[in-house]
Amino acid sequence: MRIFTKRTLREFWEQKKYQDSEQPLKAWHDEAKRAEWKTPHDIKELYRSVSIVKNNKVIFNIHGNKYRLVVEVTYENAHCYVLFVGTHKQYDKVDVDSL
């Protein structure tokens, strides 16, 4: 998969209070970059706790569910767009449909 954009992830983990997210987000990025997801089922096989929602959006639990990562996957061209990364509390305030 081609990930758009790692910069969003980096800007998050570079914030002092979220530095503990760096390694888990890097690990997710590396796994996703190597992945060849063709369907939501492919993602679910690798990440059992992932939530698949409408419009090809996928919600990942990061670092023991301390953080949430929302991406949009376009399976036909193998692109993965980072839409949101934040704490679980921040995620609770987000309307995923509007991302």
PDB file of N, CA and C in Angstrom:
ATOM      1  N   MET A   1       0.846  -1.173   0.000  1.00  0.00           N
ATOM      2  CA  MET A   1       0.000   0.000   0.000  1.00  0.00           C
ATOM      3  C   MET A   1       0.895   1.241   0.000  1.00  0.00           C
ATOM      4  N   ARG A   2       0.408   2.254  -0.637  1.00  0.00           N
ATOM      5  CA  ARG A   2       1.090   3.548  -0.585  1.00  0.00           C
ATOM      6  C   ARG A   2       0.356   4.391   0.454  1.00  0.00           C
ATOM      7  N   ILE A   3       1.095   4.883   1.439  1.00  0.00           N
ATOM      8  CA  ILE A   3       0.506   5.605   2.562  1.00  0.00           C
ATOM      9  C   ILE A   3       0.612   7.109   2.330  1.00  0.00           C
ATOM     10  N   PHE A   4      -0.508   7.794   2.464  1.00  0.00           N
ATOM     11  CA  PHE A   4      -0.573   9.253   2.388  1.00  0.00           C
ATOM     12  C   PHE A   4      -1.095   9.757   3.728  1.00  0.00           C
ATOM     13  N   THR A   5      -0.500  10.435   4.525  1.00  0.00           N
ATOM     14  CA  THR A   5       0.901  10.783   4.506  1.00  0.00           C
ATOM     15  C   THR A   5       1.521  10.415   5.833  1.00  0.00           C
ATOM     16  N   LYS A   6       2.745   9.988   5.773  1.00  0.00           N
ATOM     17  CA  LYS A   6       3.461   9.660   7.003  1.00  0.00           C
ATOM     18  C   LYS A   6       3.672  10.916   7.831  1.00  0.00           C
ATOM     19  N   ARG A   7       3.726  12.042   7.163  1.00  0.00           N
ATOM     20  CA  ARG A   7       3.947  13.317   7.858  1.00  0.00           C
ATOM     21  C   ARG A   7       2.895  13.548   8.953  1.00  0.00           C
ATOM     22  N   THR A   8       1.651  13.197   8.676  1.00  0.00           N
ATOM     23  CA  THR A   8       0.588  13.349   9.670  1.00  0.00           C
ATOM     24  C   THR A   8       0.904  12.527  10.911  1.00  0.00           C
ATOM     25  N   LEU A   9       1.371  11.308  10.702  1.00  0.00           N
ATOM     26  CA  LEU A   9       1.745  10.449  11.830  1.00  0.00           C
ATOM     27  C   LEU A   9       2.919  11.049  12.588  1.00  0.00           C
ATOM     28  N   ARG A  10       3.934  11.484  11.851  1.00  0.00           N
ATOM     29  CA  ARG A  10       5.140  12.044  12.470  1.00  0.00           C
ATOM     30  C   ARG A  10       4.811  13.299  13.282  1.00  0.00           C
ATOM     31  N   GLU A  11       3.993  14.170  12.729  1.00  0.00           N
ATOM     32  CA  GLU A  11       3.626  15.392  13.453  1.00  0.00           C
ATOM     33  C   GLU A  11       2.901  15.065  14.749  1.00  0.00           C
ATOM     34  N   PHE A  12       2.163  13.978  14.768  1.00  0.00           N
ATOM     35  CA  PHE A  12       1.485  13.566  15.990  1.00  0.00           C
ATOM     36  C   PHE A  12       2.485  13.060  17.016  1.00  0.00           C
ATOM     37  N   TRP A  13       3.343  12.103  16.632  1.00  0.00           N
ATOM     38  CA  TRP A  13       4.245  11.516  17.623  1.00  0.00           C
ATOM     39  C   TRP A  13       5.337  12.482  18.059  1.00  0.00           C
ATOM     40  N   GLU A  14       5.594  13.520  17.283  1.00  0.00           N
ATOM     41  CA  GLU A  14       6.604  14.499  17.693  1.00  0.00           C
ATOM     42  C   GLU A  14       6.104  15.435  18.788  1.00  0.00           C
ATOM     43  N   GLN A  15       4.817  15.440  19.050  1.00  0.00           N
ATOM     44  CA  GLN A  15       4.289  16.218  20.163  1.00  0.00           C
ATOM     45  C   GLN A  15       4.711  15.518  21.457  1.00  0.00           C
ATOM     46  N   LYS A  16       5.245  16.280  22.367  1.00  0.00           N
ATOM     47  CA  LYS A  16       5.834  15.709  23.580  1.00  0.00           C
ATOM     48  C   LYS A  16       4.886  14.749  24.310  1.00  0.00           C
ATOM     49  N   LYS A  17       3.627  15.117  24.422  1.00  0.00           N
ATOM     50  CA  LYS A  17       2.709  14.274  25.197  1.00  0.00           C
ATOM     51  C   LYS A  17       2.284  12.996  24.473  1.00  0.00           C
ATOM     52  N   TYR A  18       2.636  12.876  23.188  1.00  0.00           N
ATOM     53  CA  TYR A  18       2.261  11.688  22.422  1.00  0.00           C
ATOM     54  C   TYR A  18       3.475  10.908  21.928  1.00  0.00           C
ATOM     55  N   GLN A  19       4.631  11.164  22.507  1.00  0.00           N
ATOM     56  CA  GLN A  19       5.856  10.513  22.039  1.00  0.00           C
ATOM     57  C   GLN A  19       5.800   8.994  22.152  1.00  0.00           C
ATOM     58  N   ASP A  20       4.996   8.479  23.079  1.00  0.00           N
ATOM     59  CA  ASP A  20       4.904   7.024  23.217  1.00  0.00           C
ATOM     60  C   ASP A  20       4.171   6.372  22.041  1.00  0.00           C
ATOM     61  N   SER A  21       3.600   7.185  21.163  1.00  0.00           N
ATOM     62  CA  SER A  21       2.920   6.634  19.986  1.00  0.00           C
ATOM     63  C   SER A  21       3.880   6.399  18.821  1.00  0.00           C
ATOM     64  N   GLU A  22       5.104   6.894  18.937  1.00  0.00           N
ATOM     65  CA  GLU A  22       6.029   6.823  17.799  1.00  0.00           C
ATOM     66  C   GLU A  22       6.270   5.395  17.317  1.00  0.00           C
ATOM     67  N   GLN A  23       6.700   4.520  18.188  1.00  0.00           N
ATOM     68  CA  GLN A  23       7.019   3.154  17.751  1.00  0.00           C
ATOM     69  C   GLN A  23       5.794   2.398  17.246  1.00  0.00           C
ATOM     70  N   PRO A  24       4.649   2.464  17.954  1.00  0.00           N
ATOM     71  CA  PRO A  24       3.469   1.775  17.415  1.00  0.00           C
ATOM     72  C   PRO A  24       3.013   2.325  16.059  1.00  0.00           C
ATOM     73  N   LEU A  25       3.088   3.639  15.865  1.00  0.00           N
ATOM     74  CA  LEU A  25       2.688   4.213  14.578  1.00  0.00           C
ATOM     75  C   LEU A  25       3.686   3.865  13.478  1.00  0.00           C
ATOM     76  N   LYS A  26       4.961   3.848  13.813  1.00  0.00           N
ATOM     77  CA  LYS A  26       5.965   3.433  12.823  1.00  0.00           C
ATOM     78  C   LYS A  26       5.755   1.971  12.442  1.00  0.00           C
ATOM     79  N   ALA A  27       5.444   1.142  13.433  1.00  0.00           N
ATOM     80  CA  ALA A  27       5.203  -0.278  13.159  1.00  0.00           C
ATOM     81  C   ALA A  27       3.986  -0.440  12.252  1.00  0.00           C
ATOM     82  N   TRP A  28       2.901   0.304  12.554  1.00  0.00           N
ATOM     83  CA  TRP A  28       1.720   0.235  11.691  1.00  0.00           C
ATOM     84  C   TRP A  28       2.075   0.681  10.270  1.00  0.00           C
ATOM     85  N   HIS A  29       2.801   1.787  10.154  1.00  0.00           N
ATOM     86  CA  HIS A  29       3.171   2.323   8.840  1.00  0.00           C
ATOM     87  C   HIS A  29       3.973   1.295   8.044  1.00  0.00           C
ATOM     88  N   ASP A  30       4.950   0.680   8.692  1.00  0.00           N
ATOM     89  CA  ASP A  30       5.785  -0.310   8.004  1.00  0.00           C
ATOM     90  C   ASP A  30       4.958  -1.517   7.548  1.00  0.00           C
ATOM     91  N   GLU A  31       4.053  -1.991   8.411  1.00  0.00           N
ATOM     92  CA  GLU A  31       3.202  -3.127   8.042  1.00  0.00           C
ATOM     93  C   GLU A  31       2.254  -2.756   6.904  1.00  0.00           C
ATOM     94  N   ALA A  32       1.648  -1.584   7.004  1.00  0.00           N
ATOM     95  CA  ALA A  32       0.693  -1.156   5.974  1.00  0.00           C
ATOM     96  C   ALA A  32       1.394  -0.936   4.636  1.00  0.00           C
ATOM     97  N   LYS A  33       2.598  -0.414   4.681  1.00  0.00           N
ATOM     98  CA  LYS A  33       3.351  -0.164   3.450  1.00  0.00           C
ATOM     99  C   LYS A  33       3.648  -1.473   2.711  1.00  0.00           C
ATOM    100  N   ARG A  34       3.899  -2.527   3.460  1.00  0.00           N
ATOM    101  CA  ARG A  34       4.201  -3.828   2.858  1.00  0.00           C
ATOM    102  C   ARG A  34       2.938  -4.609   2.481  1.00  0.00           C
ATOM    103  N   ALA A  35       1.811  -4.184   3.018  1.00  0.00           N
ATOM    104  CA  ALA A  35       0.561  -4.926   2.822  1.00  0.00           C
ATOM    105  C   ALA A  35       0.058  -4.829   1.386  1.00  0.00           C
ATOM    106  N   GLU A  36      -0.720  -5.822   1.025  1.00  0.00           N
ATOM    107  CA  GLU A  36      -1.383  -5.842  -0.281  1.00  0.00           C
ATOM    108  C   GLU A  36      -2.868  -6.098  -0.054  1.00  0.00           C
ATOM    109  N   TRP A  37      -3.518  -5.161   0.626  1.00  0.00           N
ATOM    110  CA  TRP A  37      -4.927  -5.313   0.948  1.00  0.00           C
ATOM    111  C   TRP A  37      -5.775  -5.155  -0.304  1.00  0.00           C
ATOM    112  N   LYS A  38      -6.569  -6.147  -0.586  1.00  0.00           N
ATOM    113  CA  LYS A  38      -7.487  -6.116  -1.733  1.00  0.00           C
ATOM    114  C   LYS A  38      -8.932  -5.916  -1.290  1.00  0.00           C
ATOM    115  N   THR A  39      -9.196  -6.282  -0.022  1.00  0.00           N
ATOM    116  CA  THR A  39     -10.548  -6.173   0.536  1.00  0.00           C
ATOM    117  C   THR A  39     -10.447  -5.826   2.022  1.00  0.00           C
ATOM    118  N   PRO A  40     -11.537  -5.358   2.622  1.00  0.00           N
ATOM    119  CA  PRO A  40     -11.524  -5.121   4.074  1.00  0.00           C
ATOM    120  C   PRO A  40     -11.196  -6.394   4.858  1.00  0.00           C
ATOM    121  N   HIS A  41     -11.603  -7.530   4.331  1.00  0.00           N
ATOM    122  CA  HIS A  41     -11.314  -8.809   4.995  1.00  0.00           C
ATOM    123  C   HIS A  41      -9.803  -9.023   5.149  1.00  0.00           C
ATOM    124  N   ASP A  42      -9.033  -8.595   4.176  1.00  0.00           N
ATOM    125  CA  ASP A  42      -7.572  -8.726   4.252  1.00  0.00           C
ATOM    126  C   ASP A  42      -7.017  -7.961   5.451  1.00  0.00           C
ATOM    127  N   ILE A  43      -7.567  -6.795   5.707  1.00  0.00           N
ATOM    128  CA  ILE A  43      -7.119  -5.986   6.853  1.00  0.00           C
ATOM    129  C   ILE A  43      -7.532  -6.674   8.148  1.00  0.00           C
ATOM    130  N   LYS A  44      -8.762  -7.151   8.190  1.00  0.00           N
ATOM    131  CA  LYS A  44      -9.297  -7.799   9.391  1.00  0.00           C
ATOM    132  C   LYS A  44      -8.501  -9.050   9.756  1.00  0.00           C
ATOM    133  N   GLU A  45      -7.954  -9.741   8.776  1.00  0.00           N
ATOM    134  CA  GLU A  45      -7.137 -10.924   9.058  1.00  0.00           C
ATOM    135  C   GLU A  45      -5.874 -10.560   9.826  1.00  0.00           C
ATOM    136  N   LEU A  46      -5.296  -9.416   9.523  1.00  0.00           N
ATOM    137  CA  LEU A  46      -4.060  -8.986  10.178  1.00  0.00           C
ATOM    138  C   LEU A  46      -4.331  -8.251  11.486  1.00  0.00           C
ATOM    139  N   TYR A  47      -5.385  -7.455  11.507  1.00  0.00           N
ATOM    140  CA  TYR A  47      -5.728  -6.639  12.682  1.00  0.00           C
ATOM    141  C   TYR A  47      -7.131  -7.015  13.142  1.00  0.00           C
ATOM    142  N   ARG A  48      -7.226  -7.926  14.080  1.00  0.00           N
ATOM    143  CA  ARG A  48      -8.523  -8.433  14.537  1.00  0.00           C
ATOM    144  C   ARG A  48      -9.402  -7.349  15.162  1.00  0.00           C
ATOM    145  N   SER A  49      -8.799  -6.358  15.815  1.00  0.00           N
ATOM    146  CA  SER A  49      -9.587  -5.340  16.516  1.00  0.00           C
ATOM    147  C   SER A  49      -9.951  -4.150  15.636  1.00  0.00           C
ATOM    148  N   VAL A  50      -9.593  -4.198  14.365  1.00  0.00           N
ATOM    149  CA  VAL A  50      -9.876  -3.088  13.465  1.00  0.00           C
ATOM    150  C   VAL A  50     -11.389  -2.966  13.249  1.00  0.00           C
ATOM    151  N   SER A  51     -11.841  -1.730  13.052  1.00  0.00           N
ATOM    152  CA  SER A  51     -13.243  -1.492  12.710  1.00  0.00           C
ATOM    153  C   SER A  51     -13.308  -1.034  11.261  1.00  0.00           C
ATOM    154  N   ILE A  52     -14.102  -1.721  10.490  1.00  0.00           N
ATOM    155  CA  ILE A  52     -14.318  -1.358   9.093  1.00  0.00           C
ATOM    156  C   ILE A  52     -15.646  -0.606   9.047  1.00  0.00           C
ATOM    157  N   VAL A  53     -15.618   0.625   8.572  1.00  0.00           N
ATOM    158  CA  VAL A  53     -16.838   1.425   8.495  1.00  0.00           C
ATOM    159  C   VAL A  53     -17.096   1.821   7.045  1.00  0.00           C
ATOM    160  N   LYS A  54     -18.172   2.533   6.816  1.00  0.00           N
ATOM    161  CA  LYS A  54     -18.549   2.840   5.431  1.00  0.00           C
ATOM    162  C   LYS A  54     -17.543   3.745   4.732  1.00  0.00           C
ATOM    163  N   ASN A  55     -17.665   3.786   3.424  1.00  0.00           N
ATOM    164  CA  ASN A  55     -16.807   4.606   2.554  1.00  0.00           C
ATOM    165  C   ASN A  55     -15.331   4.219   2.642  1.00  0.00           C
ATOM    166  N   ASN A  56     -15.076   2.928   2.819  1.00  0.00           N
ATOM    167  CA  ASN A  56     -13.705   2.393   2.841  1.00  0.00           C
ATOM    168  C   ASN A  56     -12.851   2.953   3.967  1.00  0.00           C
ATOM    169  N   LYS A  57     -13.479   3.394   5.032  1.00  0.00           N
ATOM    170  CA  LYS A  57     -12.727   3.904   6.182  1.00  0.00           C
ATOM    171  C   LYS A  57     -12.463   2.766   7.159  1.00  0.00           C
ATOM    172  N   VAL A  58     -11.288   2.825   7.746  1.00  0.00           N
ATOM    173  CA  VAL A  58     -10.830   1.775   8.650  1.00  0.00           C
ATOM    174  C   VAL A  58     -10.281   2.443   9.905  1.00  0.00           C
ATOM    175  N   ILE A  59     -10.659   1.911  11.071  1.00  0.00           N
ATOM    176  CA  ILE A  59     -10.230   2.478  12.345  1.00  0.00           C
ATOM    177  C   ILE A  59      -9.345   1.459  13.050  1.00  0.00           C
ATOM    178  N   PHE A  60      -8.104   1.866  13.289  1.00  0.00           N
ATOM    179  CA  PHE A  60      -7.126   1.009  13.953  1.00  0.00           C
ATOM    180  C   PHE A  60      -6.948   1.448  15.398  1.00  0.00           C
ATOM    181  N   ASN A  61      -6.822   0.472  16.289  1.00  0.00           N
ATOM    182  CA  ASN A  61      -6.428   0.730  17.669  1.00  0.00           C
ATOM    183  C   ASN A  61      -4.909   0.689  17.706  1.00  0.00           C
ATOM    184  N   ILE A  62      -4.314   1.731  18.249  1.00  0.00           N
ATOM    185  CA  ILE A  62      -2.857   1.843  18.292  1.00  0.00           C
ATOM    186  C   ILE A  62      -2.397   1.896  19.745  1.00  0.00           C
ATOM    187  N   HIS A  63      -1.335   1.190  20.049  1.00  0.00           N
ATOM    188  CA  HIS A  63      -0.717   1.206  21.386  1.00  0.00           C
ATOM    189  C   HIS A  63      -1.727   0.812  22.468  1.00  0.00           C
ATOM    190  N   GLY A  64      -2.296  -0.382  22.286  1.00  0.00           N
ATOM    191  CA  GLY A  64      -3.230  -0.897  23.284  1.00  0.00           C
ATOM    192  C   GLY A  64      -4.508  -0.091  23.378  1.00  0.00           C
ATOM    193  N   ASN A  65      -4.952   0.468  22.273  1.00  0.00           N
ATOM    194  CA  ASN A  65      -6.177   1.261  22.178  1.00  0.00           C
ATOM    195  C   ASN A  65      -6.053   2.627  22.853  1.00  0.00           C
ATOM    196  N   LYS A  66      -4.837   3.037  23.164  1.00  0.00           N
ATOM    197  CA  LYS A  66      -4.627   4.380  23.718  1.00  0.00           C
ATOM    198  C   LYS A  66      -4.857   5.429  22.635  1.00  0.00           C
ATOM    199  N   TYR A  67      -4.522   5.070  21.406  1.00  0.00           N
ATOM    200  CA  TYR A  67      -4.666   5.977  20.267  1.00  0.00           C
ATOM    201  C   TYR A  67      -5.533   5.325  19.207  1.00  0.00           C
ATOM    202  N   ARG A  68      -6.124   6.178  18.376  1.00  0.00           N
ATOM    203  CA  ARG A  68      -6.923   5.709  17.252  1.00  0.00           C
ATOM    204  C   ARG A  68      -6.357   6.302  15.972  1.00  0.00           C
ATOM    205  N   LEU A  69      -6.377   5.501  14.939  1.00  0.00           N
ATOM    206  CA  LEU A  69      -5.915   5.898  13.619  1.00  0.00           C
ATOM    207  C   LEU A  69      -7.035   5.590  12.632  1.00  0.00           C
ATOM    208  N   VAL A  70      -7.475   6.623  11.916  1.00  0.00           N
ATOM    209  CA  VAL A  70      -8.528   6.448  10.916  1.00  0.00           C
ATOM    210  C   VAL A  70      -7.907   6.666   9.547  1.00  0.00           C
ATOM    211  N   VAL A  71      -8.107   5.701   8.676  1.00  0.00           N
ATOM    212  CA  VAL A  71      -7.586   5.797   7.309  1.00  0.00           C
ATOM    213  C   VAL A  71      -8.710   5.488   6.326  1.00  0.00           C
ATOM    214  N   GLU A  72      -8.510   5.935   5.113  1.00  0.00           N
ATOM    215  CA  GLU A  72      -9.399   5.559   4.015  1.00  0.00           C
ATOM    216  C   GLU A  72      -8.569   4.767   3.020  1.00  0.00           C
ATOM    217  N   VAL A  73      -9.059   3.603   2.664  1.00  0.00           N
ATOM    218  CA  VAL A  73      -8.318   2.714   1.775  1.00  0.00           C
ATOM    219  C   VAL A  73      -9.002   2.678   0.410  1.00  0.00           C
ATOM    220  N   THR A  74      -8.222   2.891  -0.623  1.00  0.00           N
ATOM    221  CA  THR A  74      -8.719   2.658  -1.982  1.00  0.00           C
ATOM    222  C   THR A  74      -8.026   1.386  -2.467  1.00  0.00           C
ATOM    223  N   TYR A  75      -8.770   0.302  -2.396  1.00  0.00           N
ATOM    224  CA  TYR A  75      -8.218  -1.019  -2.662  1.00  0.00           C
ATOM    225  C   TYR A  75      -7.752  -1.178  -4.104  1.00  0.00           C
ATOM    226  N   GLU A  76      -8.482  -0.590  -5.035  1.00  0.00           N
ATOM    227  CA  GLU A  76      -8.163  -0.791  -6.452  1.00  0.00           C
ATOM    228  C   GLU A  76      -6.823  -0.197  -6.866  1.00  0.00           C
ATOM    229  N   ASN A  77      -6.375   0.869  -6.185  1.00  0.00           N
ATOM    230  CA  ASN A  77      -5.058   1.424  -6.536  1.00  0.00           C
ATOM    231  C   ASN A  77      -4.059   1.341  -5.387  1.00  0.00           C
ATOM    232  N   ALA A  78      -4.404   0.586  -4.350  1.00  0.00           N
ATOM    233  CA  ALA A  78      -3.498   0.309  -3.225  1.00  0.00           C
ATOM    234  C   ALA A  78      -3.013   1.573  -2.527  1.00  0.00           C
ATOM    235  N   HIS A  79      -3.951   2.483  -2.258  1.00  0.00           N
ATOM    236  CA  HIS A  79      -3.628   3.703  -1.519  1.00  0.00           C
ATOM    237  C   HIS A  79      -4.316   3.681  -0.161  1.00  0.00           C
ATOM    238  N   CYS A  80      -3.633   4.260   0.816  1.00  0.00           N
ATOM    239  CA  CYS A  80      -4.153   4.350   2.173  1.00  0.00           C
ATOM    240  C   CYS A  80      -3.930   5.786   2.645  1.00  0.00           C
ATOM    241  N   TYR A  81      -5.019   6.492   2.919  1.00  0.00           N
ATOM    242  CA  TYR A  81      -4.955   7.904   3.291  1.00  0.00           C
ATOM    243  C   TYR A  81      -5.191   8.052   4.790  1.00  0.00           C
ATOM    244  N   VAL A  82      -4.231   8.646   5.494  1.00  0.00           N
ATOM    245  CA  VAL A  82      -4.389   8.906   6.920  1.00  0.00           C
ATOM    246  C   VAL A  82      -5.333  10.098   7.071  1.00  0.00           C
ATOM    247  N   LEU A  83      -6.456   9.878   7.745  1.00  0.00           N
ATOM    248  CA  LEU A  83      -7.450  10.930   7.940  1.00  0.00           C
ATOM    249  C   LEU A  83      -7.408  11.520   9.337  1.00  0.00           C
ATOM    250  N   PHE A  84      -7.043  10.691  10.327  1.00  0.00           N
ATOM    251  CA  PHE A  84      -7.042  11.143  11.722  1.00  0.00           C
ATOM    252  C   PHE A  84      -6.116  10.257  12.528  1.00  0.00           C
ATOM    253  N   VAL A  85      -5.383  10.879  13.422  1.00  0.00           N
ATOM    254  CA  VAL A  85      -4.646  10.152  14.457  1.00  0.00           C
ATOM    255  C   VAL A  85      -4.780  10.969  15.731  1.00  0.00           C
ATOM    256  N   GLY A  86      -5.122  10.292  16.822  1.00  0.00           N
ATOM    257  CA  GLY A  86      -5.307  11.001  18.079  1.00  0.00           C
ATOM    258  C   GLY A  86      -5.576  10.028  19.206  1.00  0.00           C
ATOM    259  N   THR A  87      -5.805  10.594  20.374  1.00  0.00           N
ATOM    260  CA  THR A  87      -6.124   9.766  21.533  1.00  0.00           C
ATOM    261  C   THR A  87      -7.534   9.209  21.372  1.00  0.00           C
ATOM    262  N   HIS A  88      -7.830   8.230  22.188  1.00  0.00           N
ATOM    263  CA  HIS A  88      -9.169   7.651  22.160  1.00  0.00           C
ATOM    264  C   HIS A  88     -10.199   8.733  22.504  1.00  0.00           C
ATOM    265  N   LYS A  89      -9.877   9.573  23.462  1.00  0.00           N
ATOM    266  CA  LYS A  89     -10.779  10.658  23.873  1.00  0.00           C
ATOM    267  C   LYS A  89     -11.007  11.642  22.720  1.00  0.00           C
ATOM    268  N   GLN A  90      -9.945  11.995  22.002  1.00  0.00           N
ATOM    269  CA  GLN A  90     -10.078  12.891  20.849  1.00  0.00           C
ATOM    270  C   GLN A  90     -10.922  12.233  19.758  1.00  0.00           C
ATOM    271  N   TYR A  91     -10.705  10.957  19.558  1.00  0.00           N
ATOM    272  CA  TYR A  91     -11.454  10.213  18.545  1.00  0.00           C
ATOM    273  C   TYR A  91     -12.951  10.227  18.852  1.00  0.00           C
ATOM    274  N   ASP A  92     -13.297  10.117  20.127  1.00  0.00           N
ATOM    275  CA  ASP A  92     -14.709  10.101  20.514  1.00  0.00           C
ATOM    276  C   ASP A  92     -15.439  11.375  20.096  1.00  0.00           C
ATOM    277  N   LYS A  93     -14.702  12.454  19.876  1.00  0.00           N
ATOM    278  CA  LYS A  93     -15.302  13.735  19.485  1.00  0.00           C
ATOM    279  C   LYS A  93     -15.339  13.933  17.968  1.00  0.00           C
ATOM    280  N   VAL A  94     -14.804  12.982  17.225  1.00  0.00           N
ATOM    281  CA  VAL A  94     -14.690  13.109  15.774  1.00  0.00           C
ATOM    282  C   VAL A  94     -15.868  12.416  15.085  1.00  0.00           C
ATOM    283  N   ASP A  95     -16.388  13.058  14.062  1.00  0.00           N
ATOM    284  CA  ASP A  95     -17.392  12.439  13.204  1.00  0.00           C
ATOM    285  C   ASP A  95     -16.647  11.777  12.050  1.00  0.00           C
ATOM    286  N   VAL A  96     -16.460  10.484  12.148  1.00  0.00           N
ATOM    287  CA  VAL A  96     -15.668   9.750  11.157  1.00  0.00           C
ATOM    288  C   VAL A  96     -16.244   9.921   9.751  1.00  0.00           C
ATOM    289  N   ASP A  97     -17.549   9.997   9.640  1.00  0.00           N
ATOM    290  CA  ASP A  97     -18.170  10.155   8.318  1.00  0.00           C
ATOM    291  C   ASP A  97     -17.755  11.448   7.628  1.00  0.00           C
ATOM    292  N   SER A  98     -17.437  12.471   8.413  1.00  0.00           N
ATOM    293  CA  SER A  98     -17.086  13.769   7.816  1.00  0.00           C
ATOM    294  C   SER A  98     -15.599  13.894   7.494  1.00  0.00           C
ATOM    295  N   LEU A  99     -14.815  12.899   7.865  1.00  0.00           N
ATOM    296  CA  LEU A  99     -13.376  12.963   7.575  1.00  0.00           C
ATOM    297  C   LEU A  99     -13.121  12.717   6.099  1.00  0.00           C
TER     298      LEU A  99
END
